C-alpha atoms as a PDB file:
ATOM      1  CA  MET A   1     -28.879-132.338  74.372  1.00  0.00           C
ATOM      2  CA  ASN A   2     -28.256-134.800  71.642  1.00  0.00           C
ATOM      3  CA  ASN A   3     -28.628-138.297  73.060  1.00  0.00           C
ATOM      4  CA  ARG A   4     -25.366-139.250  71.346  1.00  0.00           C
ATOM      5  CA  PHE A   5     -23.405-137.371  74.019  1.00  0.00           C
ATOM      6  CA  THR A   6     -21.793-139.666  76.555  1.00  0.00           C
ATOM      7  CA  GLU A   7     -22.653-139.095  80.204  1.00  0.00           C
ATOM      8  CA  SER A   8     -19.195-137.607  80.666  1.00  0.00           C
ATOM      9  CA  ALA A   9     -19.724-135.199  77.759  1.00  0.00           C
ATOM     10  CA  GLN A  10     -23.144-134.218  79.114  1.00  0.00           C
ATOM     11  CA  ARG A  11     -21.592-133.520  82.527  1.00  0.00           C
ATOM     12  CA  ALA A  12     -18.885-131.411  80.854  1.00  0.00           C
ATOM     13  CA  LEU A  13     -21.493-129.345  79.011  1.00  0.00           C
ATOM     14  CA  ASN A  14     -23.503-128.959  82.206  1.00  0.00           C
ATOM     15  CA  GLY A  15     -20.238-127.965  83.888  1.00  0.00           C
ATOM     16  CA  ALA A  16     -19.820-125.192  81.312  1.00  0.00           C
ATOM     17  CA  LEU A  17     -23.240-123.867  82.261  1.00  0.00           C
ATOM     18  CA  SER A  18     -22.347-124.109  85.961  1.00  0.00           C
ATOM     19  CA  ALA A  19     -19.018-122.343  85.409  1.00  0.00           C
ATOM     20  CA  ALA A  20     -20.725-119.432  83.658  1.00  0.00           C
ATOM     21  CA  ASN A  21     -23.315-119.229  86.459  1.00  0.00           C
ATOM     22  CA  GLU A  22     -20.729-119.405  89.243  1.00  0.00           C
ATOM     23  CA  LEU A  23     -18.545-116.737  87.617  1.00  0.00           C
ATOM     24  CA  GLY A  24     -21.546-114.453  87.176  1.00  0.00           C
ATOM     25  CA  HIS A  25     -21.193-114.319  83.403  1.00  0.00           C
ATOM     26  CA  ASN A  26     -24.295-113.743  81.315  1.00  0.00           C
ATOM     27  CA  TYR A  27     -23.178-115.959  78.434  1.00  0.00           C
ATOM     28  CA  ILE A  28     -21.653-119.402  77.848  1.00  0.00           C
ATOM     29  CA  GLY A  29     -18.457-119.024  75.858  1.00  0.00           C
ATOM     30  CA  SER A  30     -15.650-121.283  74.720  1.00  0.00           C
ATOM     31  CA  GLU A  31     -13.824-120.585  77.968  1.00  0.00           C
ATOM     32  CA  HIS A  32     -16.770-122.048  79.891  1.00  0.00           C
ATOM     33  CA  ILE A  33     -16.734-125.140  77.650  1.00  0.00           C
ATOM     34  CA  LEU A  34     -13.028-125.497  78.495  1.00  0.00           C
ATOM     35  CA  LEU A  35     -13.791-125.200  82.215  1.00  0.00           C
ATOM     36  CA  GLY A  36     -16.561-127.796  81.890  1.00  0.00           C
ATOM     37  CA  LEU A  37     -14.228-130.210  80.094  1.00  0.00           C
ATOM     38  CA  LEU A  38     -11.551-129.795  82.765  1.00  0.00           C
ATOM     39  CA  ALA A  39     -14.079-130.245  85.589  1.00  0.00           C
ATOM     40  CA  GLU A  40     -15.085-133.607  84.090  1.00  0.00           C
ATOM     41  CA  GLU A  41     -11.898-135.262  85.341  1.00  0.00           C
ATOM     42  CA  GLU A  42     -12.797-138.724  84.068  1.00  0.00           C
ATOM     43  CA  GLY A  43     -13.209-137.497  80.493  1.00  0.00           C
ATOM     44  CA  MET A  44     -10.510-137.960  77.897  1.00  0.00           C
ATOM     45  CA  ALA A  45     -10.369-134.200  77.293  1.00  0.00           C
ATOM     46  CA  ALA A  46      -9.394-133.437  80.905  1.00  0.00           C
ATOM     47  CA  LYS A  47      -6.812-136.200  80.897  1.00  0.00           C
ATOM     48  CA  VAL A  48      -5.155-135.023  77.677  1.00  0.00           C
ATOM     49  CA  LEU A  49      -5.219-131.381  78.765  1.00  0.00           C
ATOM     50  CA  GLY A  50      -3.848-132.366  82.177  1.00  0.00           C
ATOM     51  CA  ASP A  51      -0.981-134.203  80.492  1.00  0.00           C
ATOM     52  CA  HIS A  52      -0.096-130.857  78.916  1.00  0.00           C
ATOM     53  CA  GLY A  53      -0.255-129.006  82.236  1.00  0.00           C
ATOM     54  CA  VAL A  54      -3.653-127.393  81.681  1.00  0.00           C
ATOM     55  CA  SER A  55      -5.470-127.374  85.007  1.00  0.00           C
ATOM     56  CA  LEU A  56      -8.952-126.303  86.041  1.00  0.00           C
ATOM     57  CA  ASP A  57      -7.619-123.904  88.690  1.00  0.00           C
ATOM     58  CA  LYS A  58      -5.201-122.163  86.324  1.00  0.00           C
ATOM     59  CA  VAL A  59      -7.781-121.834  83.530  1.00  0.00           C
ATOM     60  CA  GLN A  60     -10.365-120.483  85.966  1.00  0.00           C
ATOM     61  CA  GLU A  61      -7.827-117.917  87.182  1.00  0.00           C
ATOM     62  CA  ILE A  62      -7.155-116.812  83.603  1.00  0.00           C
ATOM     63  CA  VAL A  63     -10.875-116.646  82.785  1.00  0.00           C
ATOM     64  CA  VAL A  64     -11.477-114.416  85.812  1.00  0.00           C
ATOM     65  CA  ASN A  65      -8.579-112.179  84.744  1.00  0.00           C
ATOM     66  CA  ILE A  66     -10.034-111.896  81.228  1.00  0.00           C
ATOM     67  CA  ALA A  67     -13.780-111.699  81.869  1.00  0.00           C
ATOM     68  CA  GLY A  68     -14.008-110.833  85.539  1.00  0.00           C
ATOM     69  CA  ARG A  69     -16.213-112.325  88.201  1.00  0.00           C
ATOM     70  CA  GLY A  70     -19.732-111.165  88.840  1.00  0.00           C
ATOM     71  CA  THR A  71     -22.541-112.155  91.109  1.00  0.00           C
ATOM     72  CA  PRO A  72     -23.502-115.779  90.499  1.00  0.00           C
ATOM     73  CA  GLY A  73     -26.345-115.748  88.040  1.00  0.00           C
ATOM     74  CA  HIS A  74     -28.652-117.893  86.009  1.00  0.00           C
ATOM     75  CA  VAL A  75     -27.622-118.554  82.438  1.00  0.00           C
ATOM     76  CA  SER A  76     -29.278-121.248  80.378  1.00  0.00           C
ATOM     77  CA  PRO A  77     -28.356-123.096  77.192  1.00  0.00           C
ATOM     78  CA  THR A  78     -30.047-120.297  75.250  1.00  0.00           C
ATOM     79  CA  ASP A  79     -27.231-118.003  76.445  1.00  0.00           C
ATOM     80  CA  MET A  80     -24.582-119.820  74.414  1.00  0.00           C
ATOM     81  CA  THR A  81     -22.529-117.622  72.133  1.00  0.00           C
ATOM     82  CA  PRO A  82     -22.686-118.436  68.416  1.00  0.00           C
ATOM     83  CA  ARG A  83     -19.148-119.841  68.669  1.00  0.00           C
ATOM     84  CA  THR A  84     -20.145-122.118  71.547  1.00  0.00           C
ATOM     85  CA  LYS A  85     -23.077-123.424  69.524  1.00  0.00           C
ATOM     86  CA  LYS A  86     -20.678-124.044  66.632  1.00  0.00           C
ATOM     87  CA  ILE A  87     -18.296-125.948  68.949  1.00  0.00           C
ATOM     88  CA  ILE A  88     -21.079-128.203  70.207  1.00  0.00           C
ATOM     89  CA  GLU A  89     -22.401-128.798  66.702  1.00  0.00           C
ATOM     90  CA  GLY A  90     -18.847-129.483  65.488  1.00  0.00           C
ATOM     91  CA  SER A  91     -18.366-132.152  68.131  1.00  0.00           C
ATOM     92  CA  SER A  92     -20.807-134.319  66.196  1.00  0.00           C
ATOM     93  CA  TYR A  93     -18.656-133.930  63.086  1.00  0.00           C
ATOM     94  CA  GLU A  94     -15.523-134.825  65.065  1.00  0.00           C
ATOM     95  CA  ALA A  95     -17.180-137.980  66.387  1.00  0.00           C
ATOM     96  CA  MET A  96     -18.319-138.989  62.924  1.00  0.00           C
ATOM     97  CA  ARG A  97     -14.860-138.237  61.517  1.00  0.00           C
ATOM     98  CA  SER A  98     -13.307-140.581  64.060  1.00  0.00           C
ATOM     99  CA  GLY A  99     -15.854-143.307  63.285  1.00  0.00           C
ATOM    100  CA  GLN A 100     -17.620-143.099  66.647  1.00  0.00           C
ATOM    101  CA  ASN A 101     -21.378-143.281  67.119  1.00  0.00           C
ATOM    102  CA  TYR A 102     -21.150-141.283  70.360  1.00  0.00           C
ATOM    103  CA  ILE A 103     -19.876-137.813  71.219  1.00  0.00           C
ATOM    104  CA  GLY A 104     -17.316-137.802  74.019  1.00  0.00           C
ATOM    105  CA  THR A 105     -15.386-135.041  75.734  1.00  0.00           C
ATOM    106  CA  GLU A 106     -12.543-135.628  73.275  1.00  0.00           C
ATOM    107  CA  HIS A 107     -14.834-134.717  70.373  1.00  0.00           C
ATOM    108  CA  ILE A 108     -15.962-131.538  72.109  1.00  0.00           C
ATOM    109  CA  LEU A 109     -12.312-130.650  72.745  1.00  0.00           C
ATOM    110  CA  LEU A 110     -11.338-131.307  69.110  1.00  0.00           C
ATOM    111  CA  SER A 111     -14.178-129.065  67.954  1.00  0.00           C
ATOM    112  CA  LEU A 112     -13.170-126.397  70.469  1.00  0.00           C
ATOM    113  CA  LEU A 113      -9.545-126.511  69.299  1.00  0.00           C
ATOM    114  CA  SER A 114     -10.650-126.001  65.702  1.00  0.00           C
ATOM    115  CA  GLU A 115     -11.956-122.567  66.723  1.00  0.00           C
ATOM    116  CA  THR A 116      -8.465-121.077  66.646  1.00  0.00           C
ATOM    117  CA  ASP A 117      -9.561-117.536  67.480  1.00  0.00           C
ATOM    118  CA  SER A 118     -11.627-118.522  70.512  1.00  0.00           C
ATOM    119  CA  VAL A 119     -10.932-117.397  74.061  1.00  0.00           C
ATOM    120  CA  ALA A 120     -10.406-121.035  75.104  1.00  0.00           C
ATOM    121  CA  VAL A 121      -7.726-121.668  72.472  1.00  0.00           C
ATOM    122  CA  ARG A 122      -5.979-118.416  73.370  1.00  0.00           C
ATOM    123  CA  ILE A 123      -5.998-119.471  77.034  1.00  0.00           C
ATOM    124  CA  ILE A 124      -4.498-122.879  76.238  1.00  0.00           C
ATOM    125  CA  ALA A 125      -1.863-121.307  73.975  1.00  0.00           C
ATOM    126  CA  SER A 126      -1.014-118.709  76.646  1.00  0.00           C
ATOM    127  CA  MET A 127      -0.068-121.601  78.915  1.00  0.00           C
ATOM    128  CA  GLY A 128       2.613-122.631  76.429  1.00  0.00           C
ATOM    129  CA  VAL A 129       0.640-125.607  75.164  1.00  0.00           C
ATOM    130  CA  GLY A 130       0.847-126.498  71.494  1.00  0.00           C
ATOM    131  CA  ILE A 131      -2.669-126.833  70.105  1.00  0.00           C
ATOM    132  CA  ASN A 132      -1.526-129.258  67.401  1.00  0.00           C
ATOM    133  CA  GLU A 133       0.152-131.426  70.042  1.00  0.00           C
ATOM    134  CA  VAL A 134      -3.117-131.719  71.953  1.00  0.00           C
ATOM    135  CA  ILE A 135      -4.976-132.578  68.743  1.00  0.00           C
ATOM    136  CA  SER A 136      -2.379-135.254  67.912  1.00  0.00           C
ATOM    137  CA  ASP A 137      -2.707-136.764  71.382  1.00  0.00           C
ATOM    138  CA  ILE A 138      -6.458-137.130  70.947  1.00  0.00           C
ATOM    139  CA  ARG A 139      -6.371-138.527  67.454  1.00  0.00           C
END
C-alpha cells in the first residue's frame, strides 16, 4: 500500500480484503471496499455514512443478497477488480484535490462515490441515501 494511507484507511482496505474472504467471494469489488470503510468505525467515511443511516450490517445483508455467500476463501490484493483498483488510485487524487498529503477513509469514499455505476454506489442509493449529499458532507 501507498505509505500515504492513514492507519485508518489501511485498516479499511484490509477490511475489504477480509470481507471478501469471509463472504467467500473470489474478488475484491467496490462492495467490499464499502464494507471495509464501514468496519473502520473511527474513520470519517463510516461516520458520514452512519449519519445517513448506512450501516455495516445492512450493507453486508445486501451484499449477500446480491453476490451470495460462499465458503470463506483466500483472496489477495491481486484479486481486486479493475474498478476497485481505480477507486484506490482515485483516492490519491481526492486527497490531492482536498489539499491533503495523506489518504484517509474519506478520500477512498469520495473516489468510490465517483464510480456511479458501481455495486457499492447502487447499494447506498438503494438505501435511499443521496450520493451527492454524502459527497457534500465530506467536502
